[in-house]
Amino acid sequence: MKESDTAISRRVTKPKLFDEAVHFRARAGTKARIDALRGNTRQGDFVRELIEDALDRREQEVEKSENR
């Protein structure tokens, strides 16, 4: 039997949902604070959520100040 050209390979990779890498330096103790709060959440996921939440809040503040 010949394998089909359209057959799914044995290895299926995860789709990349997040394609931007951001690296930064933080004050001493920041990693310990993150580790204390994140529980079982992966560090990268936790930090991404923190940044996205902070950006959402800032964007809302800008919208409010522009509408005044």
C-alpha atoms as a PDB file:
ATOM      1  CA  MET A   1       0.000   0.000   0.000  1.00  0.00           C
ATOM      2  CA  LYS A   2       1.284   3.444  -0.906  1.00  0.00           C
ATOM      3  CA  GLU A   3       1.022   6.219   1.633  1.00  0.00           C
ATOM      4  CA  SER A   4      -1.133   9.099   0.503  1.00  0.00           C
ATOM      5  CA  ASP A   5       0.504  12.459  -0.124  1.00  0.00           C
ATOM      6  CA  THR A   6      -2.224  14.079   1.951  1.00  0.00           C
ATOM      7  CA  ALA A   7      -1.877  11.754   4.932  1.00  0.00           C
ATOM      8  CA  ILE A   8      -1.237  13.414   8.264  1.00  0.00           C
ATOM      9  CA  SER A   9       2.277  12.815   9.460  1.00  0.00           C
ATOM     10  CA  ARG A  10       2.846  11.047  12.753  1.00  0.00           C
ATOM     11  CA  ARG A  11       3.968  14.279  14.369  1.00  0.00           C
ATOM     12  CA  VAL A  12       1.498  17.120  14.482  1.00  0.00           C
ATOM     13  CA  THR A  13       2.887  20.361  15.849  1.00  0.00           C
ATOM     14  CA  LYS A  14       0.896  22.775  17.952  1.00  0.00           C
ATOM     15  CA  PRO A  15      -0.224  25.919  16.161  1.00  0.00           C
ATOM     16  CA  LYS A  16       1.705  28.973  17.305  1.00  0.00           C
ATOM     17  CA  LEU A  17      -0.748  31.324  18.933  1.00  0.00           C
ATOM     18  CA  PHE A  18       1.847  33.706  20.258  1.00  0.00           C
ATOM     19  CA  ASP A  19       4.590  34.820  17.919  1.00  0.00           C
ATOM     20  CA  GLU A  20       6.228  37.759  19.651  1.00  0.00           C
ATOM     21  CA  ALA A  21       8.991  37.258  22.189  1.00  0.00           C
ATOM     22  CA  VAL A  22       9.576  39.990  24.744  1.00  0.00           C
ATOM     23  CA  HIS A  23      12.564  39.894  27.062  1.00  0.00           C
ATOM     24  CA  PHE A  24      13.099  42.363  29.853  1.00  0.00           C
ATOM     25  CA  ARG A  25      15.068  42.930  33.013  1.00  0.00           C
ATOM     26  CA  ALA A  26      13.188  43.492  36.244  1.00  0.00           C
ATOM     27  CA  ARG A  27      13.973  44.645  39.772  1.00  0.00           C
ATOM     28  CA  ALA A  28      15.458  42.168  42.214  1.00  0.00           C
ATOM     29  CA  GLY A  29      12.780  39.992  43.770  1.00  0.00           C
ATOM     30  CA  THR A  30      10.362  40.162  40.820  1.00  0.00           C
ATOM     31  CA  LYS A  31      10.842  36.511  39.847  1.00  0.00           C
ATOM     32  CA  ALA A  32      10.191  35.406  43.437  1.00  0.00           C
ATOM     33  CA  ARG A  33       6.990  37.477  43.518  1.00  0.00           C
ATOM     34  CA  ILE A  34       5.842  35.927  40.237  1.00  0.00           C
ATOM     35  CA  ASP A  35       6.653  32.416  41.459  1.00  0.00           C
ATOM     36  CA  ALA A  36       4.734  33.025  44.697  1.00  0.00           C
ATOM     37  CA  LEU A  37       1.598  34.104  42.809  1.00  0.00           C
ATOM     38  CA  ARG A  38       1.515  31.870  39.745  1.00  0.00           C
ATOM     39  CA  GLY A  39       0.811  28.533  41.440  1.00  0.00           C
ATOM     40  CA  ASN A  40       0.771  25.721  38.863  1.00  0.00           C
ATOM     41  CA  THR A  41       0.531  28.102  35.881  1.00  0.00           C
ATOM     42  CA  ARG A  42       3.534  28.076  33.586  1.00  0.00           C
ATOM     43  CA  GLN A  43       5.716  31.123  34.167  1.00  0.00           C
ATOM     44  CA  GLY A  44       5.485  32.321  30.555  1.00  0.00           C
ATOM     45  CA  ASP A  45       1.693  32.026  30.524  1.00  0.00           C
ATOM     46  CA  PHE A  46       1.412  33.850  33.842  1.00  0.00           C
ATOM     47  CA  VAL A  47       3.656  36.726  32.784  1.00  0.00           C
ATOM     48  CA  ARG A  48       1.874  37.018  29.419  1.00  0.00           C
ATOM     49  CA  GLU A  49      -1.488  37.292  31.207  1.00  0.00           C
ATOM     50  CA  LEU A  50      -0.086  39.938  33.573  1.00  0.00           C
ATOM     51  CA  ILE A  51       1.208  42.010  30.671  1.00  0.00           C
ATOM     52  CA  GLU A  52      -2.007  41.662  28.660  1.00  0.00           C
ATOM     53  CA  ASP A  53      -4.120  42.670  31.687  1.00  0.00           C
ATOM     54  CA  ALA A  54      -1.911  45.695  32.347  1.00  0.00           C
ATOM     55  CA  LEU A  55      -2.070  46.742  28.683  1.00  0.00           C
ATOM     56  CA  ASP A  56      -5.867  46.422  28.677  1.00  0.00           C
ATOM     57  CA  ARG A  57      -6.109  48.644  31.775  1.00  0.00           C
ATOM     58  CA  ARG A  58      -3.789  51.271  30.285  1.00  0.00           C
ATOM     59  CA  GLU A  59      -5.717  51.286  26.988  1.00  0.00           C
ATOM     60  CA  GLN A  60      -8.981  51.798  28.892  1.00  0.00           C
ATOM     61  CA  GLU A  61      -7.425  54.678  30.852  1.00  0.00           C
ATOM     62  CA  VAL A  62      -6.293  56.314  27.592  1.00  0.00           C
ATOM     63  CA  GLU A  63      -9.762  55.914  26.063  1.00  0.00           C
ATOM     64  CA  LYS A  64     -11.372  57.480  29.152  1.00  0.00           C
ATOM     65  CA  SER A  65      -8.988  60.454  29.124  1.00  0.00           C
ATOM     66  CA  GLU A  66      -9.514  61.000  25.390  1.00  0.00           C
ATOM     67  CA  ASN A  67     -13.318  60.994  25.802  1.00  0.00           C
ATOM     68  CA  ARG A  68     -13.262  63.765  28.433  1.00  0.00           C
END
